[in-house]
Amino acid sequence: MRKSIRLVFTAAILAALLSGCADDPVMPSAGFSFNPSSVSMYETVTFTNSSTDADSYMWYFGDGATSTEENPTYAYEAAGSFTVKLVASNADGEDEAEQSIVVADLNNHYVIDGTTYTIDSEMFWYQSGMGGDPYIRLLTTVPGQDNPDLLKLYPNMGLNELPGTYTWDNSDTPPAGTYDVGYTAGYAGMAWDWIGLGKTGSGNLVITEMIEGIYKIEGAMVMSMGNYNDDYEFVETSSGPLTLEYVGAINSLEAK
C-alpha cells in the first residue's frame, strides 16, 4: 500500500515538473544586418533578419516608414542618420534590436572640359515649339554667370518607359543608350557663349528607375567643342569627354 502511495506521489511530482517545463516561456531574440553598409538616397537597402524563436516582425526604418516583412528592402528618400529598429515577437513576448544607418546625400554633377558642375535642379522633358522629338533638358546655375548652362540628352535607347515621351527598350538586359548630346554655356534663348555637340553614337548612358518616378542617369559622351559661325554652321575647335551622374526626377513634358 505504501509502495503504491509512493508511486502515485512520485508520478504526481513528475507530472508537475513536466507541466511546469511545458509552461516555461520561450522568448524571441531579435537581430538583423543590412547591405550595403554605405548607401545614398534612393538606393535599395536589403535587411536580413537573424532573429530566433520569433513568428512576427515589425520594422521601423527611422523615417516614419514601417514593414512587417521578415526580410524587407527599403530605399530612403532623404539623407541623414536613421535608427532602424526590429521588434521580433511570439506568443510569449518580444525583443528589440537597433542599428544606425547613414544615408548620404546625392552627388549629382557633370564634368565637361575638365570642370565639375554641381547639378542643382531636376531634369525635365522638353518639346520645342519648332517641332522635332522631345528630349531631356537640364539647366544648371553656374556661380558668377548670368545665365544657366544647358545640357540636352536625346535618348535613342534606355531602360523602362516614360509615358508621353519615349518608349525605350524594355528587354531583360537592355544595352547602354546611344545619345545625341548638346551643351551650351551661358544659355539665353537663341544666344550662347560656347557650345558642345555630341558625336553621334558616342553616348554610353544608362537610365535606371530607382523607385517610381526617380531615375539614375550615368555615363559618358564625347563632345565636340566649338561655336557657330555667321552662317550658323557649327565649327569644331576641340573635343573632350562629358561625364554625368544624376539621380532624381525627370519631370513632365513641357512645350516651349
C-alpha atoms as a PDB file:
ATOM      1  CA  MET A   1       0.000   0.000   0.000  1.00  0.00           C
ATOM      2  CA  ARG A   2       2.775   2.363   0.987  1.00  0.00           C
ATOM      3  CA  LYS A   3       4.602   1.471  -2.231  1.00  0.00           C
ATOM      4  CA  SER A   4       1.528   2.358  -4.278  1.00  0.00           C
ATOM      5  CA  ILE A   5       1.167   5.670  -2.471  1.00  0.00           C
ATOM      6  CA  ARG A   6       4.841   6.388  -3.092  1.00  0.00           C
ATOM      7  CA  LEU A   7       4.469   5.631  -6.803  1.00  0.00           C
ATOM      8  CA  VAL A   8       1.420   7.848  -7.093  1.00  0.00           C
ATOM      9  CA  PHE A   9       3.216  10.671  -5.274  1.00  0.00           C
ATOM     10  CA  THR A  10       6.300  10.324  -7.496  1.00  0.00           C
ATOM     11  CA  ALA A  11       4.155  10.337 -10.610  1.00  0.00           C
ATOM     12  CA  ALA A  12       2.392  13.456  -9.404  1.00  0.00           C
ATOM     13  CA  ILE A  13       5.707  15.222  -8.827  1.00  0.00           C
ATOM     14  CA  LEU A  14       6.974  14.247 -12.311  1.00  0.00           C
ATOM     15  CA  ALA A  15       3.735  15.416 -13.888  1.00  0.00           C
ATOM     16  CA  ALA A  16       4.005  18.736 -12.092  1.00  0.00           C
ATOM     17  CA  LEU A  17       7.619  19.138 -13.203  1.00  0.00           C
ATOM     18  CA  LEU A  18       6.776  18.283 -16.796  1.00  0.00           C
ATOM     19  CA  SER A  19       3.808  20.623 -16.727  1.00  0.00           C
ATOM     20  CA  GLY A  20       5.990  23.414 -15.374  1.00  0.00           C
ATOM     21  CA  CYS A  21       8.571  22.843 -18.125  1.00  0.00           C
ATOM     22  CA  ALA A  22       5.863  22.980 -20.757  1.00  0.00           C
ATOM     23  CA  ASP A  23       4.717  26.325 -19.451  1.00  0.00           C
ATOM     24  CA  ASP A  24       8.167  27.946 -19.416  1.00  0.00           C
ATOM     25  CA  PRO A  25       8.135  30.895 -21.869  1.00  0.00           C
ATOM     26  CA  VAL A  26      10.351  30.831 -24.950  1.00  0.00           C
ATOM     27  CA  MET A  27      11.340  34.410 -25.554  1.00  0.00           C
ATOM     28  CA  PRO A  28      12.415  35.598 -29.031  1.00  0.00           C
ATOM     29  CA  SER A  29      15.817  37.114 -29.691  1.00  0.00           C
ATOM     30  CA  ALA A  30      15.922  39.947 -32.262  1.00  0.00           C
ATOM     31  CA  GLY A  31      18.801  40.605 -34.622  1.00  0.00           C
ATOM     32  CA  PHE A  32      19.466  41.767 -38.182  1.00  0.00           C
ATOM     33  CA  SER A  33      22.055  43.017 -40.667  1.00  0.00           C
ATOM     34  CA  PHE A  34      21.765  45.184 -43.760  1.00  0.00           C
ATOM     35  CA  ASN A  35      23.516  45.588 -47.098  1.00  0.00           C
ATOM     36  CA  PRO A  36      25.092  47.689 -48.468  1.00  0.00           C
ATOM     37  CA  SER A  37      26.612  49.281 -45.390  1.00  0.00           C
ATOM     38  CA  SER A  38      27.101  52.597 -47.222  1.00  0.00           C
ATOM     39  CA  VAL A  39      24.070  53.887 -49.089  1.00  0.00           C
ATOM     40  CA  SER A  40      22.873  57.025 -50.832  1.00  0.00           C
ATOM     41  CA  MET A  41      19.376  58.363 -51.261  1.00  0.00           C
ATOM     42  CA  TYR A  42      17.068  56.153 -53.348  1.00  0.00           C
ATOM     43  CA  GLU A  43      19.456  53.182 -53.269  1.00  0.00           C
ATOM     44  CA  THR A  44      17.838  49.926 -52.146  1.00  0.00           C
ATOM     45  CA  VAL A  45      18.881  48.551 -48.758  1.00  0.00           C
ATOM     46  CA  THR A  46      18.307  44.852 -48.050  1.00  0.00           C
ATOM     47  CA  PHE A  47      17.632  43.962 -44.412  1.00  0.00           C
ATOM     48  CA  THR A  48      18.407  40.365 -43.370  1.00  0.00           C
ATOM     49  CA  ASN A  49      16.586  39.080 -40.301  1.00  0.00           C
ATOM     50  CA  SER A  50      18.642  36.890 -37.944  1.00  0.00           C
ATOM     51  CA  SER A  51      16.070  36.716 -35.120  1.00  0.00           C
ATOM     52  CA  THR A  52      15.351  33.399 -33.381  1.00  0.00           C
ATOM     53  CA  ASP A  53      12.189  31.960 -31.858  1.00  0.00           C
ATOM     54  CA  ALA A  54      10.003  34.658 -33.425  1.00  0.00           C
ATOM     55  CA  ASP A  55       6.986  34.353 -35.679  1.00  0.00           C
ATOM     56  CA  SER A  56       6.174  38.005 -36.415  1.00  0.00           C
ATOM     57  CA  TYR A  57       8.252  41.085 -37.089  1.00  0.00           C
ATOM     58  CA  MET A  58       7.849  44.852 -37.049  1.00  0.00           C
ATOM     59  CA  TRP A  59      10.458  47.067 -38.678  1.00  0.00           C
ATOM     60  CA  TYR A  60      10.847  50.791 -38.053  1.00  0.00           C
ATOM     61  CA  PHE A  61      13.174  52.426 -40.590  1.00  0.00           C
ATOM     62  CA  GLY A  62      13.646  55.654 -38.656  1.00  0.00           C
ATOM     63  CA  ASP A  63      11.934  57.985 -41.132  1.00  0.00           C
ATOM     64  CA  GLY A  64       8.344  57.052 -40.320  1.00  0.00           C
ATOM     65  CA  ALA A  65       8.148  54.044 -42.642  1.00  0.00           C
ATOM     66  CA  THR A  66       7.497  50.525 -41.319  1.00  0.00           C
ATOM     67  CA  SER A  67       7.292  46.947 -42.597  1.00  0.00           C
ATOM     68  CA  THR A  68       6.066  43.582 -41.305  1.00  0.00           C
ATOM     69  CA  GLU A  69       8.063  41.527 -43.818  1.00  0.00           C
ATOM     70  CA  GLU A  70      10.637  39.110 -42.471  1.00  0.00           C
ATOM     71  CA  ASN A  71      13.412  40.382 -44.756  1.00  0.00           C
ATOM     72  CA  PRO A  72      12.341  43.737 -46.204  1.00  0.00           C
ATOM     73  CA  THR A  73      14.030  46.031 -48.691  1.00  0.00           C
ATOM     74  CA  TYR A  74      13.819  49.799 -48.431  1.00  0.00           C
ATOM     75  CA  ALA A  75      15.030  52.966 -50.171  1.00  0.00           C
ATOM     76  CA  TYR A  76      15.481  56.168 -48.192  1.00  0.00           C
ATOM     77  CA  GLU A  77      14.278  59.359 -49.848  1.00  0.00           C
ATOM     78  CA  ALA A  78      16.215  61.705 -47.562  1.00  0.00           C
ATOM     79  CA  ALA A  79      19.804  61.943 -46.380  1.00  0.00           C
ATOM     80  CA  GLY A  80      20.804  61.658 -42.734  1.00  0.00           C
ATOM     81  CA  SER A  81      21.386  59.190 -39.914  1.00  0.00           C
ATOM     82  CA  PHE A  82      18.469  56.879 -39.146  1.00  0.00           C
ATOM     83  CA  THR A  83      17.909  54.377 -36.334  1.00  0.00           C
ATOM     84  CA  VAL A  84      16.455  51.138 -37.664  1.00  0.00           C
ATOM     85  CA  LYS A  85      14.572  49.062 -35.075  1.00  0.00           C
ATOM     86  CA  LEU A  86      13.328  45.491 -35.392  1.00  0.00           C
ATOM     87  CA  VAL A  87      10.755  44.114 -32.935  1.00  0.00           C
ATOM     88  CA  ALA A  88      10.619  40.303 -33.070  1.00  0.00           C
ATOM     89  CA  SER A  89       7.619  38.710 -31.354  1.00  0.00           C
ATOM     90  CA  ASN A  90       5.985  35.413 -30.469  1.00  0.00           C
ATOM     91  CA  ALA A  91       3.173  34.353 -28.116  1.00  0.00           C
ATOM     92  CA  ASP A  92       5.470  34.625 -25.082  1.00  0.00           C
ATOM     93  CA  GLY A  93       6.828  38.132 -25.675  1.00  0.00           C
ATOM     94  CA  GLU A  94       9.034  40.311 -27.823  1.00  0.00           C
ATOM     95  CA  ASP A  95      12.601  41.523 -28.199  1.00  0.00           C
ATOM     96  CA  GLU A  96      14.125  44.550 -29.941  1.00  0.00           C
ATOM     97  CA  ALA A  97      17.297  45.211 -31.908  1.00  0.00           C
ATOM     98  CA  GLU A  98      18.517  48.589 -33.185  1.00  0.00           C
ATOM     99  CA  GLN A  99      21.201  49.743 -35.615  1.00  0.00           C
ATOM    100  CA  SER A 100      22.066  53.077 -37.200  1.00  0.00           C
ATOM    101  CA  ILE A 101      22.296  53.601 -40.944  1.00  0.00           C
ATOM    102  CA  VAL A 102      23.791  56.696 -42.579  1.00  0.00           C
ATOM    103  CA  VAL A 103      22.247  57.745 -45.882  1.00  0.00           C
ATOM    104  CA  ALA A 104      24.433  60.020 -48.000  1.00  0.00           C
ATOM    105  CA  ASP A 105      23.045  62.960 -49.943  1.00  0.00           C
ATOM    106  CA  LEU A 106      23.005  62.895 -53.723  1.00  0.00           C
ATOM    107  CA  ASN A 107      26.176  63.845 -55.574  1.00  0.00           C
ATOM    108  CA  ASN A 108      24.555  64.992 -58.804  1.00  0.00           C
ATOM    109  CA  HIS A 109      27.117  66.546 -61.118  1.00  0.00           C
ATOM    110  CA  TYR A 110      28.642  66.505 -64.553  1.00  0.00           C
ATOM    111  CA  VAL A 111      32.183  67.121 -65.734  1.00  0.00           C
ATOM    112  CA  ILE A 112      32.905  68.834 -69.040  1.00  0.00           C
ATOM    113  CA  ASP A 113      36.107  70.326 -70.367  1.00  0.00           C
ATOM    114  CA  GLY A 114      37.802  69.410 -67.070  1.00  0.00           C
ATOM    115  CA  THR A 115      35.376  71.409 -64.901  1.00  0.00           C
ATOM    116  CA  THR A 116      32.881  69.841 -62.466  1.00  0.00           C
ATOM    117  CA  TYR A 117      29.416  71.404 -62.274  1.00  0.00           C
ATOM    118  CA  THR A 118      27.037  70.662 -59.413  1.00  0.00           C
ATOM    119  CA  ILE A 119      23.503  69.895 -60.576  1.00  0.00           C
ATOM    120  CA  ASP A 120      21.100  72.000 -58.532  1.00  0.00           C
ATOM    121  CA  SER A 121      17.819  71.320 -60.339  1.00  0.00           C
ATOM    122  CA  GLU A 122      15.790  68.447 -61.744  1.00  0.00           C
ATOM    123  CA  MET A 123      15.794  67.260 -65.325  1.00  0.00           C
ATOM    124  CA  PHE A 124      12.697  67.685 -67.422  1.00  0.00           C
ATOM    125  CA  TRP A 125      11.283  66.618 -70.768  1.00  0.00           C
ATOM    126  CA  TYR A 126      11.168  69.430 -73.301  1.00  0.00           C
ATOM    127  CA  GLN A 127       9.319  69.810 -76.570  1.00  0.00           C
ATOM    128  CA  SER A 128      10.468  72.610 -78.825  1.00  0.00           C
ATOM    129  CA  GLY A 129       7.747  74.809 -80.251  1.00  0.00           C
ATOM    130  CA  MET A 130       9.552  74.397 -83.583  1.00  0.00           C
ATOM    131  CA  GLY A 131       8.820  70.666 -83.588  1.00  0.00           C
ATOM    132  CA  GLY A 132      11.150  67.677 -83.516  1.00  0.00           C
ATOM    133  CA  ASP A 133      11.436  64.880 -80.977  1.00  0.00           C
ATOM    134  CA  PRO A 134      11.173  65.647 -77.265  1.00  0.00           C
ATOM    135  CA  TYR A 135      14.359  65.382 -75.229  1.00  0.00           C
ATOM    136  CA  ILE A 136      15.630  65.676 -71.671  1.00  0.00           C
ATOM    137  CA  ARG A 137      16.874  69.079 -70.533  1.00  0.00           C
ATOM    138  CA  LEU A 138      18.888  70.261 -67.573  1.00  0.00           C
ATOM    139  CA  LEU A 139      19.524  73.888 -66.625  1.00  0.00           C
ATOM    140  CA  THR A 140      22.417  74.337 -64.196  1.00  0.00           C
ATOM    141  CA  THR A 141      23.187  77.502 -62.266  1.00  0.00           C
ATOM    142  CA  VAL A 142      26.858  78.487 -62.563  1.00  0.00           C
ATOM    143  CA  PRO A 143      28.285  80.890 -59.931  1.00  0.00           C
ATOM    144  CA  GLY A 144      29.317  84.226 -61.429  1.00  0.00           C
ATOM    145  CA  GLN A 145      27.394  83.561 -64.622  1.00  0.00           C
ATOM    146  CA  ASP A 146      24.211  85.454 -65.500  1.00  0.00           C
ATOM    147  CA  ASN A 147      22.564  82.628 -67.422  1.00  0.00           C
ATOM    148  CA  PRO A 148      22.462  78.908 -66.651  1.00  0.00           C
ATOM    149  CA  ASP A 149      24.213  76.222 -68.643  1.00  0.00           C
ATOM    150  CA  LEU A 150      22.016  73.969 -70.741  1.00  0.00           C
ATOM    151  CA  LEU A 151      22.534  70.225 -71.098  1.00  0.00           C
ATOM    152  CA  LYS A 152      20.396  68.282 -73.581  1.00  0.00           C
ATOM    153  CA  LEU A 153      20.066  64.492 -73.867  1.00  0.00           C
ATOM    154  CA  TYR A 154      18.395  62.935 -76.898  1.00  0.00           C
ATOM    155  CA  PRO A 155      17.935  59.258 -75.954  1.00  0.00           C
ATOM    156  CA  ASN A 156      17.563  56.527 -78.545  1.00  0.00           C
ATOM    157  CA  MET A 157      17.623  53.528 -76.203  1.00  0.00           C
ATOM    158  CA  GLY A 158      17.491  53.060 -72.453  1.00  0.00           C
ATOM    159  CA  LEU A 159      15.546  51.422 -69.646  1.00  0.00           C
ATOM    160  CA  ASN A 160      11.827  51.428 -68.894  1.00  0.00           C
ATOM    161  CA  GLU A 161       9.060  53.519 -70.377  1.00  0.00           C
ATOM    162  CA  LEU A 162       8.396  57.183 -69.758  1.00  0.00           C
ATOM    163  CA  PRO A 163       4.758  57.765 -70.807  1.00  0.00           C
ATOM    164  CA  GLY A 164       4.114  60.516 -73.296  1.00  0.00           C
ATOM    165  CA  THR A 165       7.713  60.701 -74.382  1.00  0.00           C
ATOM    166  CA  TYR A 166       9.784  57.699 -75.417  1.00  0.00           C
ATOM    167  CA  THR A 167       9.086  54.005 -75.170  1.00  0.00           C
ATOM    168  CA  TRP A 168      12.593  52.782 -74.531  1.00  0.00           C
ATOM    169  CA  ASP A 169      14.000  49.321 -74.964  1.00  0.00           C
ATOM    170  CA  ASN A 170      12.488  47.127 -72.223  1.00  0.00           C
ATOM    171  CA  SER A 171      14.287  43.812 -72.751  1.00  0.00           C
ATOM    172  CA  ASP A 172      15.686  41.901 -69.790  1.00  0.00           C
ATOM    173  CA  THR A 173      19.237  43.076 -70.437  1.00  0.00           C
ATOM    174  CA  PRO A 174      18.987  46.313 -72.419  1.00  0.00           C
ATOM    175  CA  PRO A 175      22.194  47.848 -73.745  1.00  0.00           C
ATOM    176  CA  ALA A 176      23.530  51.215 -72.769  1.00  0.00           C
ATOM    177  CA  GLY A 177      21.739  54.015 -74.528  1.00  0.00           C
ATOM    178  CA  THR A 178      23.035  55.840 -77.571  1.00  0.00           C
ATOM    179  CA  TYR A 179      22.520  59.559 -77.194  1.00  0.00           C
ATOM    180  CA  ASP A 180      22.874  62.771 -79.090  1.00  0.00           C
ATOM    181  CA  VAL A 181      24.057  65.365 -76.609  1.00  0.00           C
ATOM    182  CA  GLY A 182      24.022  69.134 -76.620  1.00  0.00           C
ATOM    183  CA  TYR A 183      25.594  71.582 -74.195  1.00  0.00           C
ATOM    184  CA  THR A 184      25.509  75.362 -74.126  1.00  0.00           C
ATOM    185  CA  ALA A 185      27.330  77.562 -71.609  1.00  0.00           C
ATOM    186  CA  GLY A 186      25.631  80.827 -70.663  1.00  0.00           C
ATOM    187  CA  TYR A 187      22.398  79.768 -72.354  1.00  0.00           C
ATOM    188  CA  ALA A 188      19.892  82.555 -73.013  1.00  0.00           C
ATOM    189  CA  GLY A 189      17.312  81.639 -75.609  1.00  0.00           C
ATOM    190  CA  MET A 190      18.998  81.519 -79.017  1.00  0.00           C
ATOM    191  CA  ALA A 191      22.183  83.163 -77.728  1.00  0.00           C
ATOM    192  CA  TRP A 192      25.165  81.301 -76.299  1.00  0.00           C
ATOM    193  CA  ASP A 193      28.721  81.798 -75.126  1.00  0.00           C
ATOM    194  CA  TRP A 194      30.064  78.500 -76.407  1.00  0.00           C
ATOM    195  CA  ILE A 195      28.524  75.187 -77.326  1.00  0.00           C
ATOM    196  CA  GLY A 196      29.317  71.498 -77.379  1.00  0.00           C
ATOM    197  CA  LEU A 197      27.582  68.914 -79.544  1.00  0.00           C
ATOM    198  CA  GLY A 198      27.578  65.165 -79.063  1.00  0.00           C
ATOM    199  CA  LYS A 199      29.337  62.965 -81.594  1.00  0.00           C
ATOM    200  CA  THR A 200      26.642  60.607 -82.879  1.00  0.00           C
ATOM    201  CA  GLY A 201      26.962  57.090 -81.479  1.00  0.00           C
ATOM    202  CA  SER A 202      29.466  58.065 -78.833  1.00  0.00           C
ATOM    203  CA  GLY A 203      26.981  58.108 -75.967  1.00  0.00           C
ATOM    204  CA  ASN A 204      27.219  55.462 -73.260  1.00  0.00           C
ATOM    205  CA  LEU A 205      24.490  56.459 -70.824  1.00  0.00           C
ATOM    206  CA  VAL A 206      22.268  54.118 -68.842  1.00  0.00           C
ATOM    207  CA  ILE A 207      18.965  55.251 -67.330  1.00  0.00           C
ATOM    208  CA  THR A 208      17.591  53.132 -64.472  1.00  0.00           C
ATOM    209  CA  GLU A 209      14.418  53.679 -62.478  1.00  0.00           C
ATOM    210  CA  MET A 210      15.470  53.550 -58.797  1.00  0.00           C
ATOM    211  CA  ILE A 211      11.984  53.899 -57.311  1.00  0.00           C
ATOM    212  CA  GLU A 212       8.809  55.048 -59.001  1.00  0.00           C
ATOM    213  CA  GLY A 213       9.480  58.372 -60.720  1.00  0.00           C
ATOM    214  CA  ILE A 214      13.155  58.579 -59.664  1.00  0.00           C
ATOM    215  CA  TYR A 215      15.827  57.785 -62.237  1.00  0.00           C
ATOM    216  CA  LYS A 216      19.572  57.269 -62.199  1.00  0.00           C
ATOM    217  CA  ILE A 217      21.329  58.634 -65.279  1.00  0.00           C
ATOM    218  CA  GLU A 218      25.030  57.876 -65.556  1.00  0.00           C
ATOM    219  CA  GLY A 219      27.623  57.518 -68.247  1.00  0.00           C
ATOM    220  CA  ALA A 220      29.910  59.402 -70.586  1.00  0.00           C
ATOM    221  CA  MET A 221      29.866  61.015 -74.016  1.00  0.00           C
ATOM    222  CA  VAL A 222      32.483  62.514 -76.303  1.00  0.00           C
ATOM    223  CA  MET A 223      31.687  66.149 -77.019  1.00  0.00           C
ATOM    224  CA  SER A 224      32.625  68.343 -79.963  1.00  0.00           C
ATOM    225  CA  MET A 225      33.540  71.798 -78.655  1.00  0.00           C
ATOM    226  CA  GLY A 226      33.150  74.870 -80.796  1.00  0.00           C
ATOM    227  CA  ASN A 227      30.679  77.514 -81.862  1.00  0.00           C
ATOM    228  CA  TYR A 228      28.510  78.617 -84.743  1.00  0.00           C
ATOM    229  CA  ASN A 229      29.850  80.989 -87.383  1.00  0.00           C
ATOM    230  CA  ASP A 230      27.924  83.825 -89.008  1.00  0.00           C
ATOM    231  CA  ASP A 231      26.311  81.353 -91.390  1.00  0.00           C
ATOM    232  CA  TYR A 232      25.044  79.295 -88.406  1.00  0.00           C
ATOM    233  CA  GLU A 233      27.409  76.458 -89.254  1.00  0.00           C
ATOM    234  CA  PHE A 234      28.980  74.671 -86.284  1.00  0.00           C
ATOM    235  CA  VAL A 235      32.784  74.872 -86.271  1.00  0.00           C
ATOM    236  CA  GLU A 236      34.546  72.353 -84.045  1.00  0.00           C
ATOM    237  CA  THR A 237      37.589  73.685 -82.215  1.00  0.00           C
ATOM    238  CA  SER A 238      38.249  70.742 -79.882  1.00  0.00           C
ATOM    239  CA  SER A 239      36.669  67.666 -78.352  1.00  0.00           C
ATOM    240  CA  GLY A 240      36.513  66.169 -74.899  1.00  0.00           C
ATOM    241  CA  PRO A 241      34.546  63.856 -72.587  1.00  0.00           C
ATOM    242  CA  LEU A 242      31.398  64.759 -70.711  1.00  0.00           C
ATOM    243  CA  THR A 243      30.523  62.532 -67.755  1.00  0.00           C
ATOM    244  CA  LEU A 244      27.206  62.705 -65.948  1.00  0.00           C
ATOM    245  CA  GLU A 245      25.867  61.373 -62.641  1.00  0.00           C
ATOM    246  CA  TYR A 246      22.274  62.231 -61.768  1.00  0.00           C
ATOM    247  CA  VAL A 247      19.620  60.721 -59.518  1.00  0.00           C
ATOM    248  CA  GLY A 248      16.232  62.389 -59.400  1.00  0.00           C
ATOM    249  CA  ALA A 249      13.018  63.051 -61.229  1.00  0.00           C
ATOM    250  CA  ILE A 250      12.571  63.606 -64.943  1.00  0.00           C
ATOM    251  CA  ASN A 251       9.648  65.990 -64.867  1.00  0.00           C
ATOM    252  CA  SER A 252       6.685  66.095 -67.232  1.00  0.00           C
ATOM    253  CA  LEU A 253       6.915  67.159 -70.833  1.00  0.00           C
ATOM    254  CA  GLU A 254       6.981  70.888 -71.379  1.00  0.00           C
ATOM    255  CA  ALA A 255       6.381  72.742 -74.617  1.00  0.00           C
ATOM    256  CA  LYS A 256       8.296  75.992 -75.016  1.00  0.00           C
END
